[in-house]
Amino acid sequence: MEKEQQEMVQEQELATYEQEQHPTVSEEEKEHGQTEEQQEQDQLKAKDELAEANKKIAELEGKLQDMENRYLRLHADFDNFRRRTRLEFEAAEKYRAQSLITDLLPTLDNFERALKIEAEDEKSKSILQGMEMVYRSLVEALKKEGVEAIEAVGKPFDPHLHQAVMQVEDNNYEPNTVVEELQKGYKLKDRVIRPAMVKVSQ
C-alpha cells in the first residue's frame, strides 16, 4: 500500500516537472501570438518614423533648393549691377566734357560766320586775324578732348550723321549725296553730339 502511494507521488512529481519544463501548446501559441503582434507594431512604428524622416528630408531639400535659387538670382543681380555701374562710370569718364562742348558749339558757329566776313581795311583784317587765332585755339582744345567735325559735302547721306533739311537737284552729285553743309556737325569720340545740317541731292 505504501509502495503504491510512493509510486503515485513520484508520477505526480514527474508530471509537474515535465509541465514546468514543457509549457502547454496553448501557452506557447499565446506567447508566439504576442511576439508577432509586437513585431507588427514595431514594424508599423518604424515605417511611420521612416516616412516622417523622409518628409523632413524632402522639406529640407526644398528649402535648400530655394535658398540656392535665391542665392543665384542675387548673385546674377549683383553682377548685372556691377557691370552697369562700370559701364556708366566708363561712359561718364569718356564723355565727361560733352555738356561743355555742346554749350561751346554755338560759339564755334559764330566764329565761323564771323570769319567769312570780308575785311575792308587793315583794322578789320587785324580783328579777323585775332578771331581766327582764338578760333583755332578753341578747335585744337576740343580736338584734344576727342571732338571732330563730321564730314558732309560729297559724302553719301547718313541719317546717323546728317540731318537733311532739303533736297535739291544737282547733276554734279549722285542721288542721295550731301551737296551742301548748312551747319557743321560734331562727334565726341564715337558719339554724335550734333548731326550736320545738310542739303541732299535727289
Protein backbone atom coordinates (compact mmCIF):
# COMPACT_ATOMS: atom_id res chain seq x y z
CA MET A 1 0.00 0.00 0.00
CA GLU A 2 2.74 2.38 0.88
CA LYS A 3 4.59 1.36 -2.24
CA GLU A 4 1.62 2.24 -4.39
CA GLN A 5 1.33 5.66 -2.73
CA GLN A 6 5.02 6.35 -3.32
CA GLU A 7 4.65 5.46 -6.98
CA MET A 8 1.67 7.81 -7.33
CA VAL A 9 3.61 10.64 -5.68
CA GLN A 10 6.56 10.05 -7.99
CA GLU A 11 4.28 10.09 -11.03
CA GLN A 12 2.70 13.37 -9.92
CA GLU A 13 6.10 14.96 -9.30
CA LEU A 14 7.30 13.76 -12.73
CA ALA A 15 4.19 15.20 -14.40
CA THR A 16 4.68 18.53 -12.59
CA TYR A 17 8.35 18.66 -13.65
CA GLU A 18 7.53 17.92 -17.27
CA GLN A 19 4.80 20.55 -17.27
CA GLU A 20 7.25 23.12 -15.93
CA GLN A 21 9.90 22.13 -18.47
CA HIS A 22 7.46 21.93 -21.42
CA PRO A 23 4.67 24.50 -21.35
CA THR A 24 1.35 23.60 -22.87
CA VAL A 25 0.73 24.25 -26.56
CA SER A 26 -1.85 26.94 -25.83
CA GLU A 27 0.62 28.95 -23.74
CA GLU A 28 3.28 28.69 -26.47
CA GLU A 29 0.78 29.82 -29.05
CA LYS A 30 -0.26 32.69 -26.82
CA GLU A 31 3.32 33.80 -26.31
CA HIS A 32 4.04 33.36 -30.06
CA GLY A 33 0.98 35.45 -30.96
CA GLN A 34 2.05 38.22 -28.60
CA THR A 35 5.51 38.23 -30.17
CA GLU A 36 4.15 38.53 -33.74
CA GLU A 37 1.79 41.34 -32.72
CA GLN A 38 4.66 43.21 -31.06
CA GLN A 39 6.79 42.77 -34.18
CA GLU A 40 3.99 44.14 -36.40
CA GLN A 41 3.60 47.14 -34.09
CA ASP A 42 7.35 47.72 -34.16
CA GLN A 43 7.36 47.48 -37.97
CA LEU A 44 4.47 49.95 -38.29
CA LYS A 45 6.19 52.33 -35.89
CA ALA A 46 9.44 52.06 -37.86
CA LYS A 47 7.57 52.75 -41.12
CA ASP A 48 5.92 55.82 -39.61
CA GLU A 49 9.24 57.10 -38.33
CA LEU A 50 10.86 56.50 -41.72
CA ALA A 51 8.03 58.30 -43.53
CA GLU A 52 8.31 61.23 -41.13
CA ALA A 53 12.08 61.34 -41.63
CA ASN A 54 11.69 61.25 -45.42
CA LYS A 55 9.14 64.06 -45.22
CA LYS A 56 11.53 66.22 -43.20
CA ILE A 57 14.36 65.43 -45.62
CA ALA A 58 12.17 66.46 -48.56
CA GLU A 59 11.24 69.71 -46.79
CA LEU A 60 14.88 70.48 -46.03
CA GLU A 61 15.91 69.68 -49.62
CA GLY A 62 13.18 72.01 -50.90
CA LYS A 63 14.34 74.81 -48.60
CA LEU A 64 17.94 74.24 -49.66
CA GLN A 65 16.98 74.38 -53.35
CA ASP A 66 15.02 77.56 -52.74
CA MET A 67 17.97 79.14 -50.94
CA GLU A 68 20.32 78.13 -53.77
CA ASN A 69 17.97 79.67 -56.35
CA ARG A 70 17.72 82.88 -54.33
CA TYR A 71 21.50 83.00 -53.99
CA LEU A 72 21.98 82.51 -57.75
CA ARG A 73 19.43 85.24 -58.53
CA LEU A 74 21.05 87.60 -56.04
CA HIS A 75 24.49 86.84 -57.45
CA ALA A 76 23.27 87.49 -61.01
CA ASP A 77 21.59 90.75 -59.94
CA PHE A 78 24.79 91.87 -58.24
CA ASP A 79 26.86 91.04 -61.34
CA ASN A 80 24.43 93.00 -63.53
CA PHE A 81 24.52 95.94 -61.13
CA ARG A 82 28.32 95.90 -61.02
CA ARG A 83 28.51 95.73 -64.84
CA ARG A 84 26.02 98.58 -65.26
CA THR A 85 27.90 100.69 -62.73
CA ARG A 86 31.20 100.05 -64.50
CA LEU A 87 29.71 100.92 -67.91
CA GLU A 88 28.09 104.06 -66.54
CA PHE A 89 31.36 105.11 -64.93
CA GLU A 90 33.29 104.47 -68.14
CA ALA A 91 30.72 106.41 -70.19
CA ALA A 92 30.76 109.29 -67.71
CA GLU A 93 34.56 109.38 -67.87
CA LYS A 94 34.64 109.05 -71.67
CA TYR A 95 32.04 111.75 -72.34
CA ARG A 96 32.71 113.92 -69.29
CA ALA A 97 33.14 117.09 -71.43
CA GLN A 98 30.00 116.59 -73.56
CA SER A 99 27.88 119.17 -71.76
CA LEU A 100 30.58 121.85 -72.00
CA ILE A 101 31.30 121.03 -75.65
CA THR A 102 27.61 121.18 -76.55
CA ASP A 103 27.45 124.64 -74.99
CA LEU A 104 30.54 125.74 -76.98
CA LEU A 105 29.26 124.63 -80.42
CA PRO A 106 27.16 127.80 -81.00
CA THR A 107 30.30 129.81 -80.23
CA LEU A 108 32.19 127.87 -82.91
CA ASP A 109 29.34 128.57 -85.34
CA ASN A 110 29.54 132.28 -84.59
CA PHE A 111 33.31 132.28 -85.09
CA GLU A 112 32.94 130.55 -88.47
CA ARG A 113 30.29 133.00 -89.63
CA ALA A 114 32.39 135.96 -88.49
CA LEU A 115 35.49 134.65 -90.25
CA LYS A 116 33.61 134.58 -93.56
CA ILE A 117 33.22 138.36 -93.49
CA GLU A 118 35.44 140.21 -95.98
CA ALA A 119 37.77 142.68 -94.29
CA GLU A 120 37.56 146.17 -95.77
CA ASP A 121 40.57 147.74 -94.04
CA GLU A 122 43.66 146.85 -92.06
CA LYS A 123 41.88 147.25 -88.75
CA SER A 124 39.20 144.75 -89.77
CA LYS A 125 41.85 142.34 -91.05
CA SER A 126 43.69 142.57 -87.74
CA ILE A 127 40.49 141.84 -85.82
CA LEU A 128 39.71 138.87 -88.07
CA GLN A 129 43.22 137.51 -87.61
CA GLY A 130 42.85 137.70 -83.85
CA MET A 131 39.47 135.97 -84.03
CA GLU A 132 40.93 133.25 -86.24
CA MET A 133 43.71 132.62 -83.71
CA VAL A 134 41.15 132.28 -80.92
CA TYR A 135 39.01 130.01 -83.13
CA ARG A 136 41.95 127.73 -83.99
CA SER A 137 42.96 127.51 -80.34
CA LEU A 138 39.43 126.56 -79.38
CA VAL A 139 39.25 123.92 -82.13
CA GLU A 140 42.59 122.42 -81.03
CA ALA A 141 41.45 122.26 -77.41
CA LEU A 142 38.28 120.47 -78.46
CA LYS A 143 40.25 118.03 -80.61
CA LYS A 144 42.30 117.06 -77.56
CA GLU A 145 39.03 116.13 -75.84
CA GLY A 146 38.08 113.91 -78.79
CA VAL A 147 35.85 116.34 -80.72
CA GLU A 148 35.90 116.17 -84.50
CA ALA A 149 33.77 117.65 -87.26
CA ILE A 150 31.55 115.30 -89.25
CA GLU A 151 32.41 115.08 -92.95
CA ALA A 152 29.44 116.02 -95.06
CA VAL A 153 29.79 117.52 -98.57
CA GLY A 154 30.27 114.83 -101.19
CA LYS A 155 29.50 112.01 -98.76
CA PRO A 156 26.51 109.66 -99.04
CA PHE A 157 23.68 110.81 -96.80
CA ASP A 158 23.79 109.03 -93.45
CA PRO A 159 20.83 109.67 -91.11
CA HIS A 160 23.07 108.88 -88.14
CA LEU A 161 25.47 111.67 -89.06
CA HIS A 162 23.45 114.09 -91.18
CA GLN A 163 20.18 115.96 -90.77
CA ALA A 164 18.63 116.67 -94.19
CA VAL A 165 16.67 119.91 -94.27
CA MET A 166 16.00 119.94 -98.01
CA GLN A 167 16.53 118.04 -101.24
CA VAL A 168 17.82 119.64 -104.44
CA GLU A 169 18.51 118.55 -107.98
CA ASP A 170 22.23 118.64 -108.74
CA ASN A 171 23.75 116.83 -111.70
CA ASN A 172 27.21 117.10 -110.17
CA TYR A 173 26.35 114.61 -107.42
CA GLU A 174 24.94 111.11 -107.25
CA PRO A 175 21.42 110.78 -105.82
CA ASN A 176 21.21 110.81 -102.02
CA THR A 177 24.53 112.64 -101.68
CA VAL A 178 25.23 115.65 -99.46
CA VAL A 179 25.70 118.69 -101.75
CA GLU A 180 25.93 121.47 -99.17
CA GLU A 181 26.54 121.83 -95.45
CA LEU A 182 24.36 124.41 -93.73
CA GLN A 183 25.68 123.79 -90.23
CA LYS A 184 28.63 121.67 -89.11
CA GLY A 185 28.06 118.51 -87.18
CA TYR A 186 30.34 117.18 -84.49
CA LYS A 187 31.24 113.88 -82.83
CA LEU A 188 32.70 113.36 -79.38
CA LYS A 189 34.85 110.26 -79.84
CA ASP A 190 32.31 107.73 -81.17
CA ARG A 191 29.16 109.63 -80.13
CA VAL A 192 27.35 112.12 -82.37
CA ILE A 193 26.64 115.21 -80.27
CA ARG A 194 25.21 117.22 -83.17
CA PRO A 195 24.42 115.94 -86.69
CA ALA A 196 25.42 118.05 -89.67
CA MET A 197 22.57 120.08 -91.19
CA VAL A 198 22.73 119.46 -94.95
CA LYS A 199 21.15 119.64 -98.39
CA VAL A 200 20.85 116.31 -100.19
CA SER A 201 20.66 115.59 -103.92
CA GLN A 202 17.56 113.86 -105.21
